[in-house]
N, C-alpha and C. Protein backbone atom coordinates (compact mmCIF):
# COMPACT_ATOMS: atom_id res chain seq x y z
N MET A 1 -74.73 -111.21 94.87
CA MET A 1 -73.44 -111.69 94.46
C MET A 1 -72.46 -110.54 94.26
N ALA A 2 -72.95 -109.47 93.75
CA ALA A 2 -72.09 -108.33 93.53
C ALA A 2 -71.58 -107.78 94.85
N GLN A 3 -72.41 -107.90 95.86
CA GLN A 3 -72.05 -107.39 97.18
C GLN A 3 -70.87 -108.17 97.75
N SER A 4 -70.87 -109.48 97.67
CA SER A 4 -69.79 -110.29 98.24
C SER A 4 -68.49 -110.08 97.47
N GLY A 5 -68.54 -109.91 96.18
CA GLY A 5 -67.34 -109.66 95.37
C GLY A 5 -66.69 -108.33 95.75
N ASN A 6 -67.52 -107.37 96.06
CA ASN A 6 -67.04 -106.05 96.44
C ASN A 6 -66.32 -106.11 97.79
N ILE A 7 -66.88 -106.90 98.73
CA ILE A 7 -66.27 -107.03 100.05
C ILE A 7 -64.94 -107.75 99.94
N LEU A 8 -64.88 -108.82 99.14
CA LEU A 8 -63.63 -109.55 98.95
C LEU A 8 -62.56 -108.66 98.30
N GLU A 9 -62.98 -107.90 97.33
CA GLU A 9 -62.02 -107.02 96.64
C GLU A 9 -61.44 -106.01 97.62
N LYS A 10 -62.25 -105.45 98.49
CA LYS A 10 -61.76 -104.49 99.49
C LYS A 10 -60.77 -105.17 100.42
N LYS A 11 -61.06 -106.44 100.83
CA LYS A 11 -60.14 -107.16 101.71
C LYS A 11 -58.80 -107.39 101.02
N TRP A 12 -58.83 -107.79 99.76
CA TRP A 12 -57.58 -108.04 99.03
C TRP A 12 -56.78 -106.74 98.90
N GLN A 13 -57.43 -105.65 98.60
CA GLN A 13 -56.74 -104.36 98.50
C GLN A 13 -56.13 -103.98 99.85
N GLN A 14 -56.87 -104.23 100.91
CA GLN A 14 -56.37 -103.92 102.25
C GLN A 14 -55.15 -104.77 102.58
N MET A 15 -55.20 -106.07 102.24
CA MET A 15 -54.07 -106.97 102.51
C MET A 15 -52.84 -106.56 101.71
N THR A 16 -53.01 -106.25 100.44
CA THR A 16 -51.85 -105.83 99.63
C THR A 16 -51.28 -104.50 100.14
N TYR A 17 -52.16 -103.63 100.58
CA TYR A 17 -51.70 -102.36 101.14
C TYR A 17 -50.91 -102.59 102.42
N GLU A 18 -51.38 -103.49 103.28
CA GLU A 18 -50.68 -103.82 104.53
C GLU A 18 -49.30 -104.41 104.23
N LYS A 19 -49.24 -105.34 103.26
CA LYS A 19 -47.95 -105.93 102.87
C LYS A 19 -47.00 -104.84 102.38
N HIS A 20 -47.54 -103.96 101.57
CA HIS A 20 -46.72 -102.86 101.04
C HIS A 20 -46.17 -101.99 102.17
N ARG A 21 -47.01 -101.62 103.13
CA ARG A 21 -46.58 -100.80 104.27
C ARG A 21 -45.54 -101.54 105.11
N GLN A 22 -45.71 -102.87 105.28
CA GLN A 22 -44.76 -103.66 106.06
C GLN A 22 -43.39 -103.67 105.36
N ARG A 23 -43.41 -103.87 104.04
CA ARG A 23 -42.15 -103.86 103.29
C ARG A 23 -41.46 -102.50 103.39
N LEU A 24 -42.22 -101.43 103.35
CA LEU A 24 -41.63 -100.10 103.48
C LEU A 24 -40.98 -99.91 104.85
N LYS A 25 -41.59 -100.44 105.90
CA LYS A 25 -41.02 -100.32 107.25
C LYS A 25 -39.73 -101.11 107.37
N GLU A 26 -39.68 -102.29 106.70
CA GLU A 26 -38.52 -103.16 106.83
C GLU A 26 -37.33 -102.69 105.99
N THR A 27 -37.57 -101.92 104.97
CA THR A 27 -36.46 -101.47 104.12
C THR A 27 -35.63 -100.46 104.87
N LYS A 28 -34.34 -100.59 104.68
CA LYS A 28 -33.41 -99.65 105.29
C LYS A 28 -32.99 -98.64 104.23
N SER A 29 -32.72 -97.45 104.66
CA SER A 29 -32.33 -96.42 103.70
C SER A 29 -30.93 -96.71 103.19
N THR A 30 -30.71 -96.44 101.94
CA THR A 30 -29.39 -96.65 101.35
C THR A 30 -28.51 -95.42 101.51
N LEU A 31 -29.08 -94.32 101.89
CA LEU A 31 -28.30 -93.11 102.12
C LEU A 31 -27.81 -93.07 103.55
N LYS A 32 -26.58 -92.58 103.71
CA LYS A 32 -26.05 -92.45 105.06
C LYS A 32 -26.63 -91.19 105.70
N GLY A 33 -26.63 -91.20 107.01
CA GLY A 33 -27.16 -90.05 107.73
C GLY A 33 -26.30 -88.81 107.53
N GLU A 34 -25.02 -89.01 107.36
CA GLU A 34 -24.13 -87.87 107.14
C GLU A 34 -23.51 -88.00 105.75
N THR A 35 -23.31 -86.91 105.12
CA THR A 35 -22.75 -86.94 103.77
C THR A 35 -21.23 -86.97 103.87
N THR A 36 -20.60 -87.63 102.92
CA THR A 36 -19.14 -87.69 102.93
C THR A 36 -18.54 -86.41 102.37
N LEU A 37 -19.26 -85.76 101.45
CA LEU A 37 -18.78 -84.50 100.91
C LEU A 37 -19.40 -83.36 101.71
N GLN A 38 -18.55 -82.60 102.33
CA GLN A 38 -19.05 -81.47 103.11
C GLN A 38 -18.68 -80.18 102.40
N PHE A 39 -19.62 -79.28 102.35
CA PHE A 39 -19.38 -77.99 101.72
C PHE A 39 -18.74 -77.06 102.74
N ASN A 40 -17.57 -76.59 102.43
CA ASN A 40 -16.84 -75.73 103.34
C ASN A 40 -16.91 -74.30 102.81
N ASP A 41 -17.56 -73.43 103.56
CA ASP A 41 -17.72 -72.04 103.12
C ASP A 41 -16.39 -71.32 102.99
N GLU A 42 -15.49 -71.54 103.94
CA GLU A 42 -14.20 -70.85 103.89
C GLU A 42 -13.41 -71.25 102.66
N GLU A 43 -13.42 -72.54 102.36
CA GLU A 43 -12.67 -73.01 101.20
C GLU A 43 -13.27 -72.45 99.91
N ALA A 44 -14.58 -72.40 99.84
CA ALA A 44 -15.24 -71.85 98.66
C ALA A 44 -14.91 -70.36 98.51
N GLN A 45 -14.91 -69.64 99.62
CA GLN A 45 -14.57 -68.22 99.57
C GLN A 45 -13.13 -68.01 99.13
N MET A 46 -12.23 -68.87 99.62
CA MET A 46 -10.82 -68.77 99.24
C MET A 46 -10.65 -69.04 97.74
N GLN A 47 -11.35 -70.04 97.23
CA GLN A 47 -11.26 -70.34 95.80
C GLN A 47 -11.81 -69.18 94.98
N LEU A 48 -12.89 -68.60 95.42
CA LEU A 48 -13.48 -67.47 94.71
C LEU A 48 -12.53 -66.28 94.72
N ARG A 49 -11.92 -66.01 95.87
CA ARG A 49 -10.94 -64.93 95.98
C ARG A 49 -9.75 -65.19 95.05
N PHE A 50 -9.29 -66.44 95.04
CA PHE A 50 -8.15 -66.81 94.20
C PHE A 50 -8.48 -66.58 92.73
N ARG A 51 -9.68 -66.97 92.32
CA ARG A 51 -10.09 -66.77 90.92
C ARG A 51 -10.14 -65.29 90.57
N ARG A 52 -10.66 -64.49 91.49
CA ARG A 52 -10.73 -63.04 91.25
C ARG A 52 -9.34 -62.45 91.12
N ILE A 53 -8.44 -62.87 92.00
CA ILE A 53 -7.07 -62.36 91.96
C ILE A 53 -6.40 -62.75 90.65
N MET A 54 -6.58 -64.00 90.24
CA MET A 54 -5.98 -64.46 88.99
C MET A 54 -6.53 -63.68 87.80
N ALA A 55 -7.83 -63.44 87.78
CA ALA A 55 -8.44 -62.68 86.68
C ALA A 55 -7.90 -61.26 86.66
N GLU A 56 -7.75 -60.65 87.83
CA GLU A 56 -7.21 -59.29 87.92
C GLU A 56 -5.77 -59.25 87.45
N GLU A 57 -4.96 -60.25 87.83
CA GLU A 57 -3.57 -60.29 87.39
C GLU A 57 -3.47 -60.44 85.88
N GLN A 58 -4.33 -61.27 85.31
CA GLN A 58 -4.32 -61.44 83.86
C GLN A 58 -4.72 -60.15 83.16
N ARG A 59 -5.71 -59.47 83.72
CA ARG A 59 -6.15 -58.20 83.13
C ARG A 59 -5.04 -57.15 83.22
N GLN A 60 -4.36 -57.11 84.36
CA GLN A 60 -3.26 -56.17 84.53
C GLN A 60 -2.11 -56.49 83.57
N ALA A 61 -1.85 -57.78 83.34
CA ALA A 61 -0.79 -58.17 82.41
C ALA A 61 -1.11 -57.71 80.99
N VAL A 62 -2.37 -57.82 80.59
CA VAL A 62 -2.77 -57.36 79.26
C VAL A 62 -2.61 -55.85 79.16
N ILE A 63 -3.01 -55.14 80.19
CA ILE A 63 -2.88 -53.67 80.20
C ILE A 63 -1.41 -53.26 80.14
N GLU A 64 -0.57 -53.93 80.93
CA GLU A 64 0.87 -53.63 80.92
C GLU A 64 1.47 -53.86 79.53
N LYS A 65 1.07 -54.95 78.89
CA LYS A 65 1.59 -55.27 77.56
C LYS A 65 1.18 -54.19 76.56
N GLN A 66 -0.09 -53.76 76.61
CA GLN A 66 -0.57 -52.71 75.71
C GLN A 66 0.14 -51.39 75.99
N ASN A 67 0.33 -51.06 77.26
CA ASN A 67 1.04 -49.83 77.62
C ASN A 67 2.47 -49.85 77.11
N HIS A 68 3.11 -51.01 77.22
CA HIS A 68 4.49 -51.14 76.74
C HIS A 68 4.56 -50.93 75.23
N LYS A 69 3.59 -51.51 74.49
CA LYS A 69 3.56 -51.33 73.04
C LYS A 69 3.36 -49.85 72.69
N LEU A 70 2.44 -49.19 73.39
CA LEU A 70 2.18 -47.78 73.13
C LEU A 70 3.41 -46.92 73.43
N LEU A 71 4.06 -47.20 74.54
CA LEU A 71 5.26 -46.45 74.90
C LEU A 71 6.35 -46.66 73.86
N GLN A 72 6.50 -47.89 73.37
CA GLN A 72 7.51 -48.17 72.36
C GLN A 72 7.20 -47.41 71.07
N ARG A 73 5.93 -47.34 70.70
CA ARG A 73 5.55 -46.59 69.49
C ARG A 73 5.84 -45.10 69.67
N ILE A 74 5.54 -44.57 70.86
CA ILE A 74 5.80 -43.15 71.12
C ILE A 74 7.28 -42.86 71.05
N VAL A 75 8.09 -43.73 71.64
CA VAL A 75 9.55 -43.54 71.60
C VAL A 75 10.05 -43.62 70.17
N ASP A 76 9.54 -44.57 69.39
CA ASP A 76 9.95 -44.69 67.99
C ASP A 76 9.60 -43.44 67.20
N ILE A 77 8.41 -42.91 67.43
CA ILE A 77 7.99 -41.69 66.73
C ILE A 77 8.86 -40.51 67.13
N MET A 78 9.15 -40.39 68.42
CA MET A 78 9.93 -39.25 68.90
C MET A 78 11.39 -39.32 68.46
N THR A 79 11.94 -40.51 68.35
CA THR A 79 13.36 -40.63 68.03
C THR A 79 13.63 -40.78 66.54
N SER A 80 12.63 -41.09 65.73
CA SER A 80 12.88 -41.28 64.30
C SER A 80 13.08 -39.93 63.62
N LYS A 81 13.97 -39.91 62.65
CA LYS A 81 14.26 -38.67 61.91
C LYS A 81 13.17 -38.43 60.87
N LYS A 82 12.70 -39.51 60.24
CA LYS A 82 11.67 -39.36 59.22
C LYS A 82 10.31 -39.36 59.89
N LYS A 83 9.43 -38.63 59.28
CA LYS A 83 8.07 -38.59 59.82
C LYS A 83 7.23 -39.55 59.00
N ARG A 84 6.96 -40.70 59.58
CA ARG A 84 6.15 -41.72 58.91
C ARG A 84 4.85 -41.91 59.69
N PHE A 85 3.92 -41.05 59.45
CA PHE A 85 2.64 -41.16 60.14
C PHE A 85 1.62 -41.76 59.19
N PRO A 86 0.78 -42.62 59.65
CA PRO A 86 -0.23 -43.21 58.76
C PRO A 86 -1.26 -42.16 58.36
N VAL A 87 -1.75 -42.30 57.15
CA VAL A 87 -2.77 -41.39 56.64
C VAL A 87 -4.07 -41.69 57.37
N THR A 88 -4.60 -40.68 58.05
CA THR A 88 -5.81 -40.92 58.82
C THR A 88 -6.97 -40.03 58.39
N SER A 89 -6.69 -38.99 57.61
CA SER A 89 -7.79 -38.09 57.26
C SER A 89 -8.39 -38.47 55.91
N THR A 90 -9.53 -37.89 55.62
CA THR A 90 -10.18 -38.12 54.33
C THR A 90 -9.67 -37.16 53.28
N ASN A 91 -8.71 -36.33 53.62
CA ASN A 91 -8.14 -35.32 52.74
C ASN A 91 -6.94 -35.85 51.97
N GLU A 92 -6.83 -37.13 51.79
CA GLU A 92 -5.63 -37.73 51.22
C GLU A 92 -5.31 -37.18 49.84
N THR A 93 -6.32 -37.01 49.00
CA THR A 93 -6.06 -36.53 47.63
C THR A 93 -5.54 -35.10 47.65
N LYS A 94 -6.04 -34.28 48.52
CA LYS A 94 -5.58 -32.90 48.62
C LYS A 94 -4.13 -32.84 49.08
N ARG A 95 -3.78 -33.69 50.02
CA ARG A 95 -2.42 -33.72 50.54
C ARG A 95 -1.44 -34.17 49.48
N LYS A 96 -1.82 -35.16 48.67
CA LYS A 96 -0.91 -35.67 47.64
C LYS A 96 -0.62 -34.60 46.60
N VAL A 97 -1.61 -33.79 46.27
CA VAL A 97 -1.43 -32.75 45.27
C VAL A 97 -0.57 -31.63 45.82
N SER A 98 -0.87 -31.16 47.03
CA SER A 98 -0.17 -29.99 47.55
C SER A 98 1.15 -30.36 48.21
N GLY A 99 1.26 -31.55 48.78
CA GLY A 99 2.49 -31.96 49.45
C GLY A 99 2.56 -31.40 50.84
N PRO A 100 3.45 -31.95 51.66
CA PRO A 100 3.55 -31.49 53.04
C PRO A 100 4.19 -30.11 53.11
N VAL A 101 3.70 -29.31 54.00
CA VAL A 101 4.24 -27.97 54.21
C VAL A 101 5.09 -28.01 55.47
N GLN A 102 6.37 -27.62 55.32
CA GLN A 102 7.26 -27.62 56.48
C GLN A 102 7.72 -26.19 56.74
N ALA A 103 7.83 -25.88 58.00
CA ALA A 103 8.31 -24.55 58.38
C ALA A 103 9.82 -24.53 58.20
N ALA A 104 10.32 -23.48 57.57
CA ALA A 104 11.76 -23.39 57.31
C ALA A 104 12.41 -22.48 58.33
N ASP A 105 13.66 -22.81 58.66
CA ASP A 105 14.44 -21.99 59.57
C ASP A 105 14.84 -20.74 58.79
N SER A 106 14.67 -19.58 59.36
CA SER A 106 14.92 -18.33 58.64
C SER A 106 16.40 -18.13 58.33
N SER A 107 17.30 -18.62 59.14
CA SER A 107 18.73 -18.37 58.91
C SER A 107 19.32 -19.34 57.88
N THR A 108 18.94 -20.60 57.90
CA THR A 108 19.56 -21.57 57.00
C THR A 108 18.68 -21.93 55.82
N GLY A 109 17.39 -21.77 55.93
CA GLY A 109 16.48 -22.13 54.85
C GLY A 109 16.11 -23.60 54.85
N LYS A 110 16.64 -24.35 55.79
CA LYS A 110 16.34 -25.78 55.89
C LYS A 110 15.10 -25.97 56.77
N PRO A 111 14.39 -27.08 56.57
CA PRO A 111 13.22 -27.33 57.42
C PRO A 111 13.63 -27.54 58.88
N ARG A 112 12.83 -26.97 59.77
CA ARG A 112 13.11 -27.12 61.20
C ARG A 112 12.66 -28.49 61.68
N GLN A 113 13.40 -29.02 62.64
CA GLN A 113 12.99 -30.26 63.29
C GLN A 113 12.51 -29.91 64.69
N SER A 114 11.39 -30.50 65.05
CA SER A 114 10.89 -30.23 66.39
C SER A 114 11.66 -31.07 67.39
N THR A 115 11.96 -30.47 68.51
CA THR A 115 12.68 -31.21 69.56
C THR A 115 11.77 -31.30 70.77
N VAL A 116 11.58 -32.51 71.23
CA VAL A 116 10.76 -32.75 72.40
C VAL A 116 11.60 -33.56 73.37
N LYS A 117 11.69 -33.08 74.60
CA LYS A 117 12.46 -33.80 75.61
C LYS A 117 11.52 -34.69 76.41
N LEU A 118 11.89 -35.95 76.51
CA LEU A 118 11.12 -36.90 77.30
C LEU A 118 11.59 -36.85 78.74
N PRO A 119 10.71 -37.06 79.69
CA PRO A 119 11.13 -37.08 81.10
C PRO A 119 12.00 -38.31 81.37
N ALA A 120 12.86 -38.17 82.36
CA ALA A 120 13.74 -39.28 82.73
C ALA A 120 12.91 -40.44 83.25
N ILE A 121 13.32 -41.65 82.91
CA ILE A 121 12.57 -42.84 83.31
C ILE A 121 12.75 -43.15 84.78
N ASN A 122 13.95 -42.95 85.32
CA ASN A 122 14.21 -43.31 86.71
C ASN A 122 13.67 -42.29 87.70
N GLY A 123 13.07 -41.23 87.25
CA GLY A 123 12.45 -40.28 88.16
C GLY A 123 13.36 -39.14 88.57
N SER A 124 14.65 -39.21 88.26
CA SER A 124 15.55 -38.11 88.63
C SER A 124 15.53 -37.07 87.52
N SER A 125 15.57 -35.81 87.90
CA SER A 125 15.55 -34.74 86.90
C SER A 125 16.98 -34.39 86.50
N SER A 126 17.16 -34.02 85.23
CA SER A 126 18.50 -33.72 84.74
C SER A 126 18.88 -32.28 85.04
N ALA A 127 17.91 -31.41 85.25
CA ALA A 127 18.18 -30.01 85.56
C ALA A 127 18.59 -29.87 87.01
N SER A 128 19.61 -29.05 87.26
CA SER A 128 20.05 -28.85 88.65
C SER A 128 19.18 -27.81 89.31
N GLY A 129 18.77 -28.09 90.53
CA GLY A 129 17.89 -27.20 91.28
C GLY A 129 18.69 -26.18 92.06
N SER A 130 18.08 -25.54 93.02
CA SER A 130 18.76 -24.55 93.84
C SER A 130 19.72 -25.23 94.80
N LYS A 131 20.82 -24.55 95.07
CA LYS A 131 21.84 -25.11 95.97
C LYS A 131 21.47 -24.81 97.40
N SER A 132 21.77 -25.74 98.31
CA SER A 132 21.46 -25.50 99.71
C SER A 132 22.69 -25.28 100.53
């Protein structure tokens, strides 16, 4: 009896397997053969280039802004009559006790002011060169 049950079970498994294979053959794929979204290498390269250019422009803008601030500070320091420099050394207590030492002009006895000439912004020199 066990033998006949085993044979029937194998037949049923075979039949269900055949039905399964038949259903798989009859099903149509839901995916199209060609994709609607196509990856374009040139377009991707252009976008990447554009992003790099934009990042570089932003970086240059930040650098220009910082340079402008530094130049403005230098001009303010050079043109101001008072010397207002921030305390940067650890010798602050010694400086407060002794006070700033200024070089005096020998003829008038007044403190000398340093004069520094800045180069012309437009690139032209103010000094006249040799005549031709």
